[in-house]
Every structure is written in structure tokens, then in C-alpha cells.
PDB file of N, CA and C in Angstrom:
ATOM      1  N   MET A   1      12.888  12.683 -21.749  1.00  0.00           N
ATOM      2  CA  MET A   1      12.669  11.860 -22.587  1.00  0.00           C
ATOM      3  C   MET A   1      12.883  12.554 -23.861  1.00  0.00           C
ATOM      4  N   MET A   2      13.651  11.864 -24.790  1.00  0.00           N
ATOM      5  CA  MET A   2      13.849  12.551 -25.987  1.00  0.00           C
ATOM      6  C   MET A   2      13.912  11.370 -26.941  1.00  0.00           C
ATOM      7  N   VAL A   3      13.576  11.869 -28.133  1.00  0.00           N
ATOM      8  CA  VAL A   3      13.405  10.904 -29.448  1.00  0.00           C
ATOM      9  C   VAL A   3      14.554  11.630 -30.373  1.00  0.00           C
ATOM     10  N   LEU A   4      15.256  10.857 -31.135  1.00  0.00           N
ATOM     11  CA  LEU A   4      16.159  11.155 -32.377  1.00  0.00           C
ATOM     12  C   LEU A   4      16.027  10.712 -33.786  1.00  0.00           C
ATOM     13  N   ILE A   5      15.355  11.406 -34.589  1.00  0.00           N
ATOM     14  CA  ILE A   5      15.299  10.641 -35.798  1.00  0.00           C
ATOM     15  C   ILE A   5      16.191  10.976 -37.036  1.00  0.00           C
ATOM     16  N   LEU A   6      17.142   9.805 -37.695  1.00  0.00           N
ATOM     17  CA  LEU A   6      17.939  10.198 -38.310  1.00  0.00           C
ATOM     18  C   LEU A   6      17.420   9.937 -39.495  1.00  0.00           C
ATOM     19  N   GLU A   7      18.294  10.237 -40.833  1.00  0.00           N
ATOM     20  CA  GLU A   7      17.726   9.950 -42.013  1.00  0.00           C
ATOM     21  C   GLU A   7      19.099  10.008 -42.912  1.00  0.00           C
ATOM     22  N   ARG A   8      19.354   9.018 -43.610  1.00  0.00           N
ATOM     23  CA  ARG A   8      20.579   9.373 -44.511  1.00  0.00           C
ATOM     24  C   ARG A   8      21.935   9.745 -44.064  1.00  0.00           C
ATOM     25  N   VAL A   9      22.531   8.905 -42.675  1.00  0.00           N
ATOM     26  CA  VAL A   9      23.572   9.446 -41.807  1.00  0.00           C
ATOM     27  C   VAL A   9      24.529   8.278 -41.824  1.00  0.00           C
ATOM     28  N   PRO A  10      25.814   8.282 -41.594  1.00  0.00           N
ATOM     29  CA  PRO A  10      26.715   7.380 -41.843  1.00  0.00           C
ATOM     30  C   PRO A  10      26.317   6.372 -40.345  1.00  0.00           C
ATOM     31  N   PRO A  11      26.559   4.847 -41.044  1.00  0.00           N
ATOM     32  CA  PRO A  11      26.418   4.096 -39.671  1.00  0.00           C
ATOM     33  C   PRO A  11      27.170   4.240 -38.634  1.00  0.00           C
ATOM     34  N   GLY A  12      28.482   4.656 -38.755  1.00  0.00           N
ATOM     35  CA  GLY A  12      29.102   5.021 -37.706  1.00  0.00           C
ATOM     36  C   GLY A  12      28.747   6.058 -36.558  1.00  0.00           C
ATOM     37  N   LEU A  13      27.780   6.815 -37.043  1.00  0.00           N
ATOM     38  CA  LEU A  13      27.207   7.990 -36.175  1.00  0.00           C
ATOM     39  C   LEU A  13      26.172   6.765 -35.447  1.00  0.00           C
ATOM     40  N   ARG A  14      25.155   6.041 -36.099  1.00  0.00           N
ATOM     41  CA  ARG A  14      24.450   5.561 -35.843  1.00  0.00           C
ATOM     42  C   ARG A  14      24.846   4.889 -34.576  1.00  0.00           C
ATOM     43  N   GLY A  15      25.741   3.976 -34.685  1.00  0.00           N
ATOM     44  CA  GLY A  15      26.565   3.153 -33.803  1.00  0.00           C
ATOM     45  C   GLY A  15      26.923   3.982 -32.458  1.00  0.00           C
ATOM     46  N   GLU A  16      27.330   5.131 -32.693  1.00  0.00           N
ATOM     47  CA  GLU A  16      27.745   5.633 -31.736  1.00  0.00           C
ATOM     48  C   GLU A  16      26.962   6.140 -30.769  1.00  0.00           C
ATOM     49  N   LEU A  17      25.279   6.326 -31.230  1.00  0.00           N
ATOM     50  CA  LEU A  17      24.675   7.018 -30.762  1.00  0.00           C
ATOM     51  C   LEU A  17      23.918   5.817 -29.726  1.00  0.00           C
ATOM     52  N   THR A  18      24.012   4.236 -30.002  1.00  0.00           N
ATOM     53  CA  THR A  18      23.842   3.022 -29.397  1.00  0.00           C
ATOM     54  C   THR A  18      24.335   2.831 -27.907  1.00  0.00           C
ATOM     55  N   ARG A  19      25.613   3.840 -27.674  1.00  0.00           N
ATOM     56  CA  ARG A  19      26.289   3.693 -26.344  1.00  0.00           C
ATOM     57  C   ARG A  19      25.091   4.683 -25.350  1.00  0.00           C
ATOM     58  N   TRP A  20      24.156   5.782 -25.644  1.00  0.00           N
ATOM     59  CA  TRP A  20      23.395   6.656 -24.865  1.00  0.00           C
ATOM     60  C   TRP A  20      22.227   6.171 -25.007  1.00  0.00           C
ATOM     61  N   LEU A  21      21.476   6.078 -26.141  1.00  0.00           N
ATOM     62  CA  LEU A  21      20.143   5.604 -26.758  1.00  0.00           C
ATOM     63  C   LEU A  21      19.649   4.317 -27.101  1.00  0.00           C
ATOM     64  N   LEU A  22      18.520   3.827 -26.892  1.00  0.00           N
ATOM     65  CA  LEU A  22      17.862   2.624 -27.694  1.00  0.00           C
ATOM     66  C   LEU A  22      17.647   3.094 -29.277  1.00  0.00           C
ATOM     67  N   GLU A  23      17.988   1.806 -30.030  1.00  0.00           N
ATOM     68  CA  GLU A  23      17.529   2.280 -31.270  1.00  0.00           C
ATOM     69  C   GLU A  23      16.285   0.812 -31.867  1.00  0.00           C
ATOM     70  N   PRO A  24      15.054   1.770 -31.292  1.00  0.00           N
ATOM     71  CA  PRO A  24      14.065   0.583 -31.445  1.00  0.00           C
ATOM     72  C   PRO A  24      13.602  -0.107 -33.222  1.00  0.00           C
ATOM     73  N   GLN A  25      13.893   1.037 -33.805  1.00  0.00           N
ATOM     74  CA  GLN A  25      13.756   0.753 -35.176  1.00  0.00           C
ATOM     75  C   GLN A  25      15.209   1.791 -36.069  1.00  0.00           C
ATOM     76  N   ALA A  26      15.643   1.297 -37.225  1.00  0.00           N
ATOM     77  CA  ALA A  26      16.521   1.399 -37.673  1.00  0.00           C
ATOM     78  C   ALA A  26      16.293   3.370 -37.769  1.00  0.00           C
ATOM     79  N   GLY A  27      17.432   3.845 -37.568  1.00  0.00           N
ATOM     80  CA  GLY A  27      17.399   5.442 -37.232  1.00  0.00           C
ATOM     81  C   GLY A  27      16.665   6.011 -36.360  1.00  0.00           C
ATOM     82  N   VAL A  28      15.942   5.590 -35.740  1.00  0.00           N
ATOM     83  CA  VAL A  28      14.812   6.165 -34.501  1.00  0.00           C
ATOM     84  C   VAL A  28      15.944   5.809 -33.069  1.00  0.00           C
ATOM     85  N   PHE A  29      15.844   6.748 -32.194  1.00  0.00           N
ATOM     86  CA  PHE A  29      16.614   6.508 -31.055  1.00  0.00           C
ATOM     87  C   PHE A  29      15.968   7.268 -29.964  1.00  0.00           C
ATOM     88  N   VAL A  30      15.788   6.441 -29.225  1.00  0.00           N
ATOM     89  CA  VAL A  30      14.979   6.994 -27.922  1.00  0.00           C
ATOM     90  C   VAL A  30      15.708   6.871 -26.572  1.00  0.00           C
ATOM     91  N   GLY A  31      15.437   8.032 -25.534  1.00  0.00           N
ATOM     92  CA  GLY A  31      16.311   7.670 -24.330  1.00  0.00           C
ATOM     93  C   GLY A  31      15.691   8.715 -23.387  1.00  0.00           C
ATOM     94  N   ARG A  32      16.507   8.582 -22.049  1.00  0.00           N
ATOM     95  CA  ARG A  32      16.261   9.688 -21.183  1.00  0.00           C
ATOM     96  C   ARG A  32      17.639   9.834 -20.623  1.00  0.00           C
ATOM     97  N   VAL A  33      18.028  11.003 -21.081  1.00  0.00           N
ATOM     98  CA  VAL A  33      19.230  11.853 -20.735  1.00  0.00           C
ATOM     99  C   VAL A  33      19.181  13.052 -20.400  1.00  0.00           C
ATOM    100  N   SER A  34      20.348  13.842 -19.510  1.00  0.00           N
ATOM    101  CA  SER A  34      20.184  15.269 -19.095  1.00  0.00           C
ATOM    102  C   SER A  34      20.316  15.830 -20.122  1.00  0.00           C
ATOM    103  N   ALA A  35      20.017  17.259 -19.776  1.00  0.00           N
ATOM    104  CA  ALA A  35      19.992  18.213 -20.871  1.00  0.00           C
ATOM    105  C   ALA A  35      21.483  18.298 -21.516  1.00  0.00           C
ATOM    106  N   LEU A  36      22.255  18.482 -20.751  1.00  0.00           N
ATOM    107  CA  LEU A  36      23.497  18.498 -21.155  1.00  0.00           C
ATOM    108  C   LEU A  36      24.313  17.472 -22.125  1.00  0.00           C
ATOM    109  N   VAL A  37      23.798  16.168 -22.072  1.00  0.00           N
ATOM    110  CA  VAL A  37      24.128  15.147 -22.859  1.00  0.00           C
ATOM    111  C   VAL A  37      23.546  15.351 -23.944  1.00  0.00           C
ATOM    112  N   ARG A  38      21.876  15.447 -23.864  1.00  0.00           N
ATOM    113  CA  ARG A  38      21.403  15.670 -24.945  1.00  0.00           C
ATOM    114  C   ARG A  38      21.710  16.696 -25.796  1.00  0.00           C
ATOM    115  N   ASP A  39      22.240  17.724 -25.562  1.00  0.00           N
ATOM    116  CA  ASP A  39      23.016  18.737 -26.623  1.00  0.00           C
ATOM    117  C   ASP A  39      23.963  18.442 -26.736  1.00  0.00           C
ATOM    118  N   LEU A  40      24.991  17.920 -26.085  1.00  0.00           N
ATOM    119  CA  LEU A  40      26.103  17.257 -26.511  1.00  0.00           C
ATOM    120  C   LEU A  40      25.975  16.110 -27.877  1.00  0.00           C
ATOM    121  N   LEU A  41      24.868  15.442 -27.718  1.00  0.00           N
ATOM    122  CA  LEU A  41      24.687  14.593 -28.537  1.00  0.00           C
ATOM    123  C   LEU A  41      23.731  15.288 -29.918  1.00  0.00           C
ATOM    124  N   TRP A  42      23.288  16.414 -29.671  1.00  0.00           N
ATOM    125  CA  TRP A  42      22.466  16.870 -31.030  1.00  0.00           C
ATOM    126  C   TRP A  42      23.791  17.784 -31.705  1.00  0.00           C
ATOM    127  N   ASP A  43      24.896  18.412 -30.819  1.00  0.00           N
ATOM    128  CA  ASP A  43      26.152  18.856 -31.485  1.00  0.00           C
ATOM    129  C   ASP A  43      26.851  17.791 -32.236  1.00  0.00           C
ATOM    130  N   LYS A  44      26.999  16.430 -31.760  1.00  0.00           N
ATOM    131  CA  LYS A  44      27.716  15.574 -32.398  1.00  0.00           C
ATOM    132  C   LYS A  44      27.045  15.161 -33.818  1.00  0.00           C
ATOM    133  N   VAL A  45      25.574  14.896 -33.442  1.00  0.00           N
ATOM    134  CA  VAL A  45      24.529  14.701 -34.848  1.00  0.00           C
ATOM    135  C   VAL A  45      24.737  15.436 -36.172  1.00  0.00           C
ATOM    136  N   CYS A  46      24.515  16.780 -35.430  1.00  0.00           N
ATOM    137  CA  CYS A  46      24.631  18.056 -36.362  1.00  0.00           C
ATOM    138  C   CYS A  46      26.336  17.719 -37.131  1.00  0.00           C
ATOM    139  N   ARG A  47      27.358  17.843 -36.534  1.00  0.00           N
ATOM    140  CA  ARG A  47      28.566  17.744 -37.209  1.00  0.00           C
ATOM    141  C   ARG A  47      28.805  16.926 -37.938  1.00  0.00           C
ATOM    142  N   GLU A  48      28.070  15.371 -37.778  1.00  0.00           N
ATOM    143  CA  GLU A  48      28.697  14.019 -38.180  1.00  0.00           C
ATOM    144  C   GLU A  48      27.678  13.620 -39.428  1.00  0.00           C
ATOM    145  N   SER A  49      26.384  14.423 -39.457  1.00  0.00           N
ATOM    146  CA  SER A  49      25.511  13.932 -40.128  1.00  0.00           C
ATOM    147  C   SER A  49      25.715  13.592 -41.685  1.00  0.00           C
ATOM    148  N   ARG A  50      26.828  14.772 -42.112  1.00  0.00           N
ATOM    149  CA  ARG A  50      26.952  14.618 -43.714  1.00  0.00           C
ATOM    150  C   ARG A  50      25.959  14.533 -44.921  1.00  0.00           C
ATOM    151  N   GLY A  51      24.810  15.750 -44.382  1.00  0.00           N
ATOM    152  CA  GLY A  51      24.088  16.031 -45.506  1.00  0.00           C
ATOM    153  C   GLY A  51      22.705  15.167 -45.265  1.00  0.00           C
ATOM    154  N   GLY A  52      22.597  14.594 -44.112  1.00  0.00           N
ATOM    155  CA  GLY A  52      21.474  13.720 -43.561  1.00  0.00           C
ATOM    156  C   GLY A  52      20.219  14.613 -43.043  1.00  0.00           C
ATOM    157  N   GLY A  53      19.322  14.045 -42.648  1.00  0.00           N
ATOM    158  CA  GLY A  53      18.359  14.808 -42.103  1.00  0.00           C
ATOM    159  C   GLY A  53      18.359  14.225 -40.486  1.00  0.00           C
ATOM    160  N   CYS A  54      17.856  15.236 -39.717  1.00  0.00           N
ATOM    161  CA  CYS A  54      17.966  15.065 -38.297  1.00  0.00           C
ATOM    162  C   CYS A  54      16.810  15.466 -37.809  1.00  0.00           C
ATOM    163  N   LEU A  55      16.073  14.771 -36.529  1.00  0.00           N
ATOM    164  CA  LEU A  55      14.973  15.731 -35.797  1.00  0.00           C
ATOM    165  C   LEU A  55      15.427  15.295 -34.620  1.00  0.00           C
ATOM    166  N   LEU A  56      15.028  16.320 -33.739  1.00  0.00           N
ATOM    167  CA  LEU A  56      15.202  15.879 -32.328  1.00  0.00           C
ATOM    168  C   LEU A  56      13.918  16.272 -31.464  1.00  0.00           C
ATOM    169  N   ILE A  57      13.284  15.243 -30.958  1.00  0.00           N
ATOM    170  CA  ILE A  57      11.959  15.809 -29.994  1.00  0.00           C
ATOM    171  C   ILE A  57      12.313  15.651 -28.543  1.00  0.00           C
ATOM    172  N   HIS A  58      12.197  16.533 -27.680  1.00  0.00           N
ATOM    173  CA  HIS A  58      12.463  16.585 -26.168  1.00  0.00           C
ATOM    174  C   HIS A  58      11.467  17.314 -25.700  1.00  0.00           C
ATOM    175  N   THR A  59      11.235  16.556 -24.393  1.00  0.00           N
ATOM    176  CA  THR A  59      10.490  17.496 -23.465  1.00  0.00           C
ATOM    177  C   THR A  59      10.747  18.847 -23.107  1.00  0.00           C
ATOM    178  N   ALA A  60       9.423  19.420 -23.305  1.00  0.00           N
ATOM    179  CA  ALA A  60       9.884  20.870 -22.737  1.00  0.00           C
ATOM    180  C   ALA A  60       8.969  21.720 -22.033  1.00  0.00           C
ATOM    181  N   ASN A  61       8.972  22.637 -21.456  1.00  0.00           N
ATOM    182  CA  ASN A  61       7.776  23.492 -20.767  1.00  0.00           C
ATOM    183  C   ASN A  61       7.118  24.323 -21.917  1.00  0.00           C
ATOM    184  N   GLN A  62       6.127  23.801 -22.810  1.00  0.00           N
ATOM    185  CA  GLN A  62       5.925  24.353 -23.616  1.00  0.00           C
ATOM    186  C   GLN A  62       4.187  23.650 -23.980  1.00  0.00           C
ATOM    187  N   GLU A  63       3.218  24.362 -24.420  1.00  0.00           N
ATOM    188  CA  GLU A  63       1.835  24.202 -24.629  1.00  0.00           C
ATOM    189  C   GLU A  63       1.839  22.646 -24.846  1.00  0.00           C
ATOM    190  N   GLN A  64       2.684  21.839 -25.911  1.00  0.00           N
ATOM    191  CA  GLN A  64       2.347  20.734 -26.368  1.00  0.00           C
ATOM    192  C   GLN A  64       3.240  19.777 -25.308  1.00  0.00           C
ATOM    193  N   GLY A  65       4.225  20.406 -24.543  1.00  0.00           N
ATOM    194  CA  GLY A  65       4.929  19.549 -23.761  1.00  0.00           C
ATOM    195  C   GLY A  65       6.327  19.039 -24.455  1.00  0.00           C
ATOM    196  N   PHE A  66       6.469  19.515 -25.486  1.00  0.00           N
ATOM    197  CA  PHE A  66       7.877  19.114 -26.225  1.00  0.00           C
ATOM    198  C   PHE A  66       8.353  20.224 -27.003  1.00  0.00           C
ATOM    199  N   ALA A  67       9.552  19.901 -27.378  1.00  0.00           N
ATOM    200  CA  ALA A  67      10.348  20.955 -28.202  1.00  0.00           C
ATOM    201  C   ALA A  67      11.056  20.136 -29.447  1.00  0.00           C
ATOM    202  N   LEU A  68      11.151  20.853 -30.463  1.00  0.00           N
ATOM    203  CA  LEU A  68      11.559  20.152 -31.988  1.00  0.00           C
ATOM    204  C   LEU A  68      12.753  20.704 -32.048  1.00  0.00           C
ATOM    205  N   ARG A  69      13.894  20.081 -32.632  1.00  0.00           N
ATOM    206  CA  ARG A  69      14.794  20.850 -33.188  1.00  0.00           C
ATOM    207  C   ARG A  69      15.305  19.967 -34.555  1.00  0.00           C
ATOM    208  N   ILE A  70      15.306  20.802 -35.694  1.00  0.00           N
ATOM    209  CA  ILE A  70      15.967  20.245 -37.104  1.00  0.00           C
ATOM    210  C   ILE A  70      17.047  20.526 -37.570  1.00  0.00           C
ATOM    211  N   TRP A  71      17.586  19.492 -38.154  1.00  0.00           N
ATOM    212  CA  TRP A  71      19.130  19.821 -38.724  1.00  0.00           C
ATOM    213  C   TRP A  71      18.763  18.922 -40.503  1.00  0.00           C
ATOM    214  N   GLY A  72      19.619  19.813 -41.070  1.00  0.00           N
ATOM    215  CA  GLY A  72      19.412  19.123 -42.361  1.00  0.00           C
ATOM    216  C   GLY A  72      18.281  19.283 -43.153  1.00  0.00           C
ATOM    217  N   GLU A  73      17.980  18.108 -44.227  1.00  0.00           N
ATOM    218  CA  GLU A  73      16.815  18.039 -44.498  1.00  0.00           C
ATOM    219  C   GLU A  73      15.860  16.878 -44.827  1.00  0.00           C
ATOM    220  N   PRO A  74      15.010  16.975 -43.360  1.00  0.00           N
ATOM    221  CA  PRO A  74      14.464  15.569 -43.204  1.00  0.00           C
ATOM    222  C   PRO A  74      13.313  15.517 -44.229  1.00  0.00           C
ATOM    223  N   ARG A  75      12.931  14.065 -44.545  1.00  0.00           N
ATOM    224  CA  ARG A  75      11.711  14.173 -45.511  1.00  0.00           C
ATOM    225  C   ARG A  75      10.487  14.659 -44.965  1.00  0.00           C
ATOM    226  N   ARG A  76       9.838  14.646 -43.850  1.00  0.00           N
ATOM    227  CA  ARG A  76       8.854  15.232 -43.505  1.00  0.00           C
ATOM    228  C   ARG A  76       9.318  16.580 -42.700  1.00  0.00           C
ATOM    229  N   ARG A  77       8.390  17.787 -42.972  1.00  0.00           N
ATOM    230  CA  ARG A  77       9.013  19.057 -42.509  1.00  0.00           C
ATOM    231  C   ARG A  77       7.815  19.347 -41.269  1.00  0.00           C
ATOM    232  N   VAL A  78       8.897  20.064 -40.782  1.00  0.00           N
ATOM    233  CA  VAL A  78       7.621  20.367 -39.062  1.00  0.00           C
ATOM    234  C   VAL A  78       7.429  21.969 -39.583  1.00  0.00           C
ATOM    235  N   GLU A  79       6.261  22.030 -39.352  1.00  0.00           N
ATOM    236  CA  GLU A  79       5.386  23.704 -39.411  1.00  0.00           C
ATOM    237  C   GLU A  79       5.368  23.995 -37.866  1.00  0.00           C
ATOM    238  N   ASP A  80       5.583  25.480 -37.949  1.00  0.00           N
ATOM    239  CA  ASP A  80       5.171  25.877 -36.581  1.00  0.00           C
ATOM    240  C   ASP A  80       4.086  26.833 -37.075  1.00  0.00           C
ATOM    241  N   PHE A  81       2.811  26.627 -36.372  1.00  0.00           N
ATOM    242  CA  PHE A  81       1.644  27.457 -36.323  1.00  0.00           C
ATOM    243  C   PHE A  81       1.354  27.982 -35.065  1.00  0.00           C
ATOM    244  N   GLU A  82       1.885  29.232 -34.939  1.00  0.00           N
ATOM    245  CA  GLU A  82       1.828  29.996 -33.497  1.00  0.00           C
ATOM    246  C   GLU A  82       1.715  29.148 -32.189  1.00  0.00           C
ATOM    247  N   GLY A  83       3.104  28.394 -32.435  1.00  0.00           N
ATOM    248  CA  GLY A  83       3.319  27.333 -31.372  1.00  0.00           C
ATOM    249  C   GLY A  83       3.045  25.779 -31.295  1.00  0.00           C
ATOM    250  N   LEU A  84       2.200  25.921 -32.227  1.00  0.00           N
ATOM    251  CA  LEU A  84       1.679  24.515 -32.579  1.00  0.00           C
ATOM    252  C   LEU A  84       2.552  23.498 -33.639  1.00  0.00           C
ATOM    253  N   PHE A  85       3.334  22.710 -33.044  1.00  0.00           N
ATOM    254  CA  PHE A  85       4.008  22.041 -34.258  1.00  0.00           C
ATOM    255  C   PHE A  85       3.069  21.007 -35.104  1.00  0.00           C
ATOM    256  N   LEU A  86       3.147  20.993 -36.299  1.00  0.00           N
ATOM    257  CA  LEU A  86       2.484  19.894 -37.235  1.00  0.00           C
ATOM    258  C   LEU A  86       3.506  19.514 -38.217  1.00  0.00           C
ATOM    259  N   ILE A  87       3.333  18.518 -38.681  1.00  0.00           N
ATOM    260  CA  ILE A  87       4.017  17.784 -39.654  1.00  0.00           C
ATOM    261  C   ILE A  87       3.269  17.739 -40.778  1.00  0.00           C
ATOM    262  N   ARG A  88       4.092  18.085 -42.011  1.00  0.00           N
ATOM    263  CA  ARG A  88       3.855  18.380 -43.505  1.00  0.00           C
ATOM    264  C   ARG A  88       4.420  17.019 -44.375  1.00  0.00           C
ATOM    265  N   VAL A  89       3.960  16.650 -44.688  1.00  0.00           N
ATOM    266  CA  VAL A  89       4.539  15.155 -45.421  1.00  0.00           C
ATOM    267  C   VAL A  89       4.377  15.580 -47.010  1.00  0.00           C
ATOM    268  N   PRO A  90       5.538  15.680 -47.468  1.00  0.00           N
ATOM    269  CA  PRO A  90       5.610  16.079 -48.935  1.00  0.00           C
ATOM    270  C   PRO A  90       4.742  15.004 -50.090  1.00  0.00           C
ATOM    271  N   GLN A  91       4.388  15.719 -51.179  1.00  0.00           N
ATOM    272  CA  GLN A  91       3.324  15.072 -51.739  1.00  0.00           C
ATOM    273  C   GLN A  91       4.166  14.345 -53.102  1.00  0.00           C
TER     274      GLN A  91
END
């Protein structure tokens, strides 16, 4: 399972992602794809985001059961506290 959150990215990129994932809300994509497809989609998002912020959350064999990847400058920051991910909301 994966969740991909995009902020301030070109509409064409969002349209491309709807071929592989569901977009239940603008900029939020959810789906179940192989690790290879997930990594290829992530590479595409990073190449074509044009200064937008991107956050990928996917299942992983870790304490919380998921892993995070960040590209660009999303509004909310992810902080790693000794392996525990927490979200920091700017004031």
C-alpha cells in the first residue's frame, strides 16, 4: 500500500499518476503497486514536480509499519525521532 501527497505540482503530473493510483482528494494518491512500480513513480514525481513538495508513505518492515520519502518543500515537515516519524506543522 502507498500514499503519495503532492503540493504545487503541474496538473499533467497528477493526471499521469491517475493511471496507476486513485486520487480521492486533489493531490492525494492511494494505491497498491509493486515496489518496482512505486520506485519508478517516485522517480517520475521527483523529476517532474517543478519545485513542488512531495511525500511518499509506503508499507515497510519497520516499527511503525511504514516508511517515508520526501522531495522538495512540503508544507508539513516529517521529523525522525530515533526511528519514530512525527509530523511538524509550521506556525
